[in-house]
N, C-alpha and C. Protein backbone atom coordinates (compact mmCIF):
# COMPACT_ATOMS: atom_id res chain seq x y z
N GLN A 1 211.92 28.73 -98.52
CA GLN A 1 213.24 29.35 -98.53
C GLN A 1 213.55 29.83 -99.95
N VAL A 2 214.01 31.06 -100.06
CA VAL A 2 214.35 31.63 -101.36
C VAL A 2 215.71 31.13 -101.81
N GLN A 3 215.81 30.77 -103.06
CA GLN A 3 217.07 30.35 -103.65
C GLN A 3 217.31 31.17 -104.92
N LEU A 4 218.53 31.70 -105.03
CA LEU A 4 218.94 32.43 -106.23
C LEU A 4 220.07 31.66 -106.89
N VAL A 5 219.93 31.43 -108.20
CA VAL A 5 220.94 30.67 -108.93
C VAL A 5 221.40 31.50 -110.13
N GLU A 6 222.68 31.88 -110.12
CA GLU A 6 223.24 32.64 -111.22
C GLU A 6 223.77 31.70 -112.30
N SER A 7 223.81 32.22 -113.52
CA SER A 7 224.41 31.49 -114.63
C SER A 7 224.88 32.51 -115.67
N GLY A 8 225.69 32.02 -116.60
CA GLY A 8 226.13 32.88 -117.70
C GLY A 8 227.56 33.34 -117.62
N GLY A 9 228.23 33.09 -116.50
CA GLY A 9 229.62 33.50 -116.40
C GLY A 9 230.51 32.67 -117.32
N SER A 10 231.60 33.29 -117.78
CA SER A 10 232.46 32.60 -118.72
C SER A 10 233.76 33.37 -118.89
N LEU A 11 234.64 32.82 -119.70
CA LEU A 11 235.86 33.51 -120.13
C LEU A 11 235.53 34.25 -121.43
N VAL A 12 235.85 35.54 -121.47
CA VAL A 12 235.55 36.34 -122.65
C VAL A 12 236.71 37.29 -122.91
N GLN A 13 236.92 37.63 -124.17
CA GLN A 13 238.00 38.55 -124.52
C GLN A 13 237.58 39.99 -124.23
N PRO A 14 238.55 40.85 -124.00
CA PRO A 14 238.22 42.28 -123.81
C PRO A 14 237.41 42.80 -125.00
N GLY A 15 236.40 43.60 -124.68
CA GLY A 15 235.51 44.10 -125.71
C GLY A 15 234.31 43.22 -125.97
N GLY A 16 234.32 42.04 -125.41
CA GLY A 16 233.22 41.10 -125.62
C GLY A 16 232.03 41.38 -124.71
N SER A 17 231.02 40.52 -124.83
CA SER A 17 229.79 40.68 -124.06
C SER A 17 229.41 39.38 -123.38
N LEU A 18 228.72 39.53 -122.27
CA LEU A 18 228.14 38.39 -121.55
C LEU A 18 226.80 38.82 -120.98
N ARG A 19 225.92 37.86 -120.83
CA ARG A 19 224.64 38.11 -120.17
C ARG A 19 224.52 37.15 -119.00
N LEU A 20 224.47 37.70 -117.80
CA LEU A 20 224.29 36.90 -116.60
C LEU A 20 222.81 36.83 -116.26
N SER A 21 222.39 35.66 -115.80
CA SER A 21 221.01 35.47 -115.37
C SER A 21 220.97 35.02 -113.92
N CYS A 22 219.88 35.37 -113.25
CA CYS A 22 219.67 34.97 -111.87
C CYS A 22 218.24 34.48 -111.77
N ALA A 23 218.08 33.20 -111.52
CA ALA A 23 216.74 32.60 -111.42
C ALA A 23 216.39 32.44 -109.94
N ALA A 24 215.24 32.98 -109.56
CA ALA A 24 214.81 32.92 -108.17
C ALA A 24 213.70 31.88 -108.01
N SER A 25 213.71 31.19 -106.91
CA SER A 25 212.65 30.23 -106.59
C SER A 25 212.31 30.32 -105.12
N GLY A 26 211.10 29.87 -104.76
CA GLY A 26 210.68 29.86 -103.37
C GLY A 26 209.77 31.01 -102.99
N LYS A 27 209.84 32.12 -103.74
CA LYS A 27 209.01 33.29 -103.42
C LYS A 27 209.07 34.26 -104.58
N ARG A 28 207.94 34.94 -104.83
CA ARG A 28 207.96 36.02 -105.80
C ARG A 28 208.73 37.20 -105.20
N LEU A 29 209.61 37.78 -106.01
CA LEU A 29 210.48 38.84 -105.51
C LEU A 29 210.10 40.21 -106.05
N ASP A 30 208.83 40.37 -106.44
CA ASP A 30 208.39 41.65 -107.00
C ASP A 30 208.73 42.85 -106.13
N PRO A 31 208.51 42.81 -104.81
CA PRO A 31 208.78 44.00 -104.01
C PRO A 31 210.25 44.16 -103.59
N TYR A 32 211.08 43.22 -103.98
CA TYR A 32 212.46 43.23 -103.54
C TYR A 32 213.33 44.08 -104.46
N THR A 33 214.34 44.70 -103.90
CA THR A 33 215.39 45.30 -104.71
C THR A 33 216.32 44.19 -105.17
N ILE A 34 216.63 44.21 -106.45
CA ILE A 34 217.54 43.23 -107.03
C ILE A 34 218.86 43.92 -107.34
N ALA A 35 219.95 43.29 -106.98
CA ALA A 35 221.26 43.88 -107.21
C ALA A 35 222.23 42.82 -107.70
N TRP A 36 223.24 43.28 -108.38
CA TRP A 36 224.39 42.46 -108.75
C TRP A 36 225.62 43.05 -108.08
N HIS A 37 226.38 42.19 -107.43
CA HIS A 37 227.65 42.55 -106.83
C HIS A 37 228.74 41.73 -107.51
N ARG A 38 229.96 42.16 -107.36
CA ARG A 38 231.08 41.37 -107.86
C ARG A 38 232.23 41.44 -106.87
N GLN A 39 233.07 40.40 -106.95
CA GLN A 39 234.24 40.36 -106.09
C GLN A 39 235.43 39.90 -106.90
N ALA A 40 236.39 40.78 -107.05
CA ALA A 40 237.63 40.45 -107.75
C ALA A 40 238.60 39.82 -106.76
N PRO A 41 239.54 39.02 -107.24
CA PRO A 41 240.52 38.39 -106.33
C PRO A 41 241.23 39.43 -105.49
N GLY A 42 241.22 39.22 -104.18
CA GLY A 42 241.92 40.11 -103.27
C GLY A 42 241.15 41.37 -102.91
N ASN A 43 239.97 41.53 -103.50
CA ASN A 43 239.18 42.74 -103.24
C ASN A 43 237.91 42.41 -102.47
N GLN A 44 237.32 43.46 -101.91
CA GLN A 44 236.04 43.28 -101.25
C GLN A 44 234.92 43.20 -102.30
N ARG A 45 233.82 42.59 -101.89
CA ARG A 45 232.66 42.53 -102.77
C ARG A 45 232.11 43.95 -102.93
N GLU A 46 231.73 44.29 -104.17
CA GLU A 46 231.24 45.64 -104.43
C GLU A 46 229.95 45.61 -105.24
N LEU A 47 229.13 46.62 -105.01
CA LEU A 47 227.89 46.76 -105.76
C LEU A 47 228.21 47.16 -107.19
N VAL A 48 227.53 46.52 -108.15
CA VAL A 48 227.69 46.85 -109.56
C VAL A 48 226.47 47.59 -110.08
N ALA A 49 225.29 47.05 -109.79
CA ALA A 49 224.04 47.64 -110.29
C ALA A 49 222.89 47.14 -109.44
N GLU A 50 221.82 47.94 -109.37
CA GLU A 50 220.64 47.50 -108.67
C GLU A 50 219.40 48.14 -109.27
N ILE A 51 218.27 47.47 -109.04
CA ILE A 51 217.00 47.96 -109.58
C ILE A 51 215.89 47.62 -108.61
N TYR A 52 215.00 48.57 -108.40
CA TYR A 52 213.88 48.38 -107.50
C TYR A 52 212.58 48.76 -108.21
N GLY A 53 211.68 47.80 -108.34
CA GLY A 53 210.37 48.07 -108.89
C GLY A 53 210.44 48.84 -110.20
N GLY A 54 209.71 49.92 -110.28
CA GLY A 54 209.66 50.70 -111.49
C GLY A 54 210.64 51.86 -111.50
N MET A 55 211.50 51.91 -110.51
CA MET A 55 212.45 53.01 -110.45
C MET A 55 213.59 52.79 -111.43
N MET A 56 214.25 53.87 -111.77
CA MET A 56 215.40 53.77 -112.66
C MET A 56 216.51 52.97 -111.99
N PRO A 57 217.17 52.11 -112.73
CA PRO A 57 218.28 51.36 -112.15
C PRO A 57 219.45 52.27 -111.86
N SER A 58 220.32 51.83 -111.00
CA SER A 58 221.52 52.59 -110.69
C SER A 58 222.74 51.71 -110.91
N TYR A 59 223.85 52.34 -111.27
CA TYR A 59 225.08 51.63 -111.61
C TYR A 59 226.28 52.30 -110.97
N VAL A 60 227.27 51.50 -110.66
CA VAL A 60 228.54 52.07 -110.24
C VAL A 60 229.18 52.74 -111.45
N ASP A 61 229.93 53.81 -111.23
CA ASP A 61 230.46 54.60 -112.34
C ASP A 61 231.28 53.76 -113.32
N ALA A 62 231.99 52.76 -112.82
CA ALA A 62 232.88 51.97 -113.66
C ALA A 62 232.15 51.19 -114.75
N VAL A 63 230.84 50.96 -114.58
CA VAL A 63 230.12 50.15 -115.55
C VAL A 63 229.02 50.91 -116.28
N LYS A 64 228.83 52.18 -115.94
CA LYS A 64 227.79 52.97 -116.59
C LYS A 64 228.00 53.02 -118.10
N GLY A 65 226.93 52.82 -118.84
CA GLY A 65 227.01 52.82 -120.30
C GLY A 65 227.43 51.49 -120.89
N ARG A 66 227.85 50.56 -120.07
CA ARG A 66 228.29 49.24 -120.56
C ARG A 66 227.40 48.11 -120.05
N PHE A 67 226.92 48.24 -118.82
CA PHE A 67 226.10 47.19 -118.20
C PHE A 67 224.65 47.64 -118.12
N THR A 68 223.74 46.66 -118.22
CA THR A 68 222.32 46.93 -118.07
C THR A 68 221.69 45.86 -117.18
N ILE A 69 221.05 46.31 -116.11
CA ILE A 69 220.36 45.39 -115.21
C ILE A 69 218.88 45.37 -115.59
N ASP A 70 218.28 44.20 -115.51
CA ASP A 70 216.88 44.06 -115.88
C ASP A 70 216.23 43.00 -115.00
N ARG A 71 214.90 43.06 -114.94
CA ARG A 71 214.18 42.07 -114.15
C ARG A 71 212.88 41.70 -114.86
N ASP A 72 212.54 40.42 -114.80
CA ASP A 72 211.27 39.92 -115.32
C ASP A 72 210.53 39.34 -114.12
N ASN A 73 209.66 40.15 -113.53
CA ASN A 73 208.98 39.71 -112.31
C ASN A 73 208.03 38.54 -112.56
N ASN A 74 207.50 38.46 -113.77
CA ASN A 74 206.59 37.36 -114.07
C ASN A 74 207.32 36.02 -114.03
N LYS A 75 208.56 36.02 -114.51
CA LYS A 75 209.34 34.79 -114.54
C LYS A 75 210.26 34.67 -113.33
N ASN A 76 210.34 35.73 -112.52
CA ASN A 76 211.23 35.71 -111.36
C ASN A 76 212.69 35.49 -111.80
N ILE A 77 213.06 36.14 -112.89
CA ILE A 77 214.40 36.03 -113.43
C ILE A 77 214.97 37.43 -113.58
N PHE A 78 216.23 37.58 -113.22
CA PHE A 78 216.90 38.87 -113.28
C PHE A 78 218.16 38.72 -114.09
N SER A 79 218.57 39.78 -114.77
CA SER A 79 219.71 39.66 -115.67
C SER A 79 220.64 40.85 -115.57
N LEU A 80 221.86 40.63 -116.03
CA LEU A 80 222.85 41.70 -116.14
C LEU A 80 223.52 41.53 -117.48
N GLN A 81 223.23 42.44 -118.40
CA GLN A 81 223.86 42.46 -119.71
C GLN A 81 225.15 43.26 -119.61
N MET A 82 226.25 42.66 -119.99
CA MET A 82 227.55 43.31 -119.86
C MET A 82 228.19 43.41 -121.24
N ASN A 83 228.42 44.62 -121.69
CA ASN A 83 229.03 44.86 -122.99
C ASN A 83 230.38 45.55 -122.83
N ASN A 84 231.18 45.47 -123.88
CA ASN A 84 232.50 46.12 -123.88
C ASN A 84 233.27 45.77 -122.59
N LEU A 85 233.36 44.50 -122.32
CA LEU A 85 233.98 44.06 -121.08
C LEU A 85 235.47 44.37 -121.05
N LYS A 86 235.95 44.66 -119.84
CA LYS A 86 237.35 45.02 -119.63
C LYS A 86 237.96 44.03 -118.64
N PRO A 87 239.28 43.88 -118.68
CA PRO A 87 239.92 42.96 -117.73
C PRO A 87 239.55 43.27 -116.27
N GLU A 88 239.35 44.52 -115.95
CA GLU A 88 239.01 44.88 -114.57
C GLU A 88 237.59 44.49 -114.18
N ASP A 89 236.82 43.99 -115.13
CA ASP A 89 235.49 43.46 -114.81
C ASP A 89 235.56 42.01 -114.31
N THR A 90 236.74 41.44 -114.34
CA THR A 90 236.92 40.06 -113.90
C THR A 90 236.55 39.90 -112.42
N GLY A 91 235.84 38.83 -112.12
CA GLY A 91 235.47 38.56 -110.74
C GLY A 91 234.31 37.58 -110.66
N VAL A 92 233.92 37.27 -109.45
CA VAL A 92 232.73 36.46 -109.23
C VAL A 92 231.55 37.41 -109.07
N TYR A 93 230.52 37.16 -109.85
CA TYR A 93 229.34 38.03 -109.84
C TYR A 93 228.21 37.34 -109.07
N TYR A 94 227.62 38.10 -108.15
CA TYR A 94 226.58 37.58 -107.28
C TYR A 94 225.28 38.33 -107.49
N CYS A 95 224.20 37.60 -107.52
CA CYS A 95 222.86 38.17 -107.53
C CYS A 95 222.39 38.29 -106.09
N LEU A 96 221.70 39.39 -105.81
CA LEU A 96 221.24 39.66 -104.45
C LEU A 96 219.82 40.22 -104.51
N ALA A 97 218.97 39.76 -103.60
CA ALA A 97 217.63 40.32 -103.45
C ALA A 97 217.45 40.72 -101.99
N TYR A 98 216.97 41.94 -101.76
CA TYR A 98 216.77 42.35 -100.38
C TYR A 98 215.53 43.23 -100.22
N LEU A 99 214.92 43.08 -99.04
CA LEU A 99 213.76 43.88 -98.67
C LEU A 99 213.77 43.97 -97.15
N GLY A 100 214.00 45.14 -96.62
CA GLY A 100 214.12 45.29 -95.18
C GLY A 100 215.28 44.45 -94.66
N SER A 101 214.98 43.57 -93.72
CA SER A 101 216.01 42.72 -93.13
C SER A 101 216.15 41.38 -93.86
N SER A 102 215.35 41.16 -94.88
CA SER A 102 215.43 39.91 -95.66
C SER A 102 216.42 40.10 -96.79
N ILE A 103 217.45 39.27 -96.77
CA ILE A 103 218.51 39.36 -97.79
C ILE A 103 218.81 37.96 -98.29
N TYR A 104 218.84 37.82 -99.60
CA TYR A 104 219.16 36.53 -100.22
C TYR A 104 220.28 36.72 -101.24
N TRP A 105 221.26 35.82 -101.18
CA TRP A 105 222.41 35.84 -102.09
C TRP A 105 222.42 34.57 -102.94
N GLY A 106 222.88 34.72 -104.17
CA GLY A 106 223.18 33.56 -104.98
C GLY A 106 224.57 33.06 -104.68
N GLN A 107 224.96 31.97 -105.34
CA GLN A 107 226.26 31.36 -105.07
C GLN A 107 227.38 31.97 -105.90
N GLY A 108 227.03 32.76 -106.89
CA GLY A 108 228.01 33.44 -107.71
C GLY A 108 228.33 32.72 -109.01
N THR A 109 228.77 33.50 -109.99
CA THR A 109 229.20 32.95 -111.27
C THR A 109 230.47 33.70 -111.70
N GLN A 110 231.45 32.96 -112.20
CA GLN A 110 232.76 33.53 -112.51
C GLN A 110 232.75 34.19 -113.88
N VAL A 111 233.23 35.42 -113.92
CA VAL A 111 233.45 36.14 -115.17
C VAL A 111 234.93 36.46 -115.27
N THR A 112 235.54 36.03 -116.36
CA THR A 112 236.95 36.30 -116.58
C THR A 112 237.11 36.99 -117.93
N VAL A 113 237.71 38.18 -117.89
CA VAL A 113 237.92 38.95 -119.12
C VAL A 113 239.43 38.97 -119.38
N SER A 114 239.83 38.27 -120.42
CA SER A 114 241.25 38.13 -120.71
C SER A 114 241.45 37.74 -122.15
N SER A 115 242.57 38.19 -122.70
CA SER A 115 242.91 37.81 -124.07
C SER A 115 243.83 36.60 -124.06
């Protein structure tokens, strides 16, 4: 059974940076698309960024130029570098891996951007 465990969430001031990590166990996820989603209070979960194999990553417009998604297939660890954070980036961030009908979610990590 695949397990994804996120870490790195915290309280940070506007303009600050955080690096989220997602450690996968149970299976190598090389062929899987890796994505980060977030859910703000009262809102639906939304896609933030995703990356598949050697293809260019994609980002939602709100985070372009500020967030960077990366993957280390050898270590089975995936990351989301978040710079110049804004209050609207606040939410629970989830790591997701999917391939066809196989979908795995992490439990989420809280990011709060506030002064």
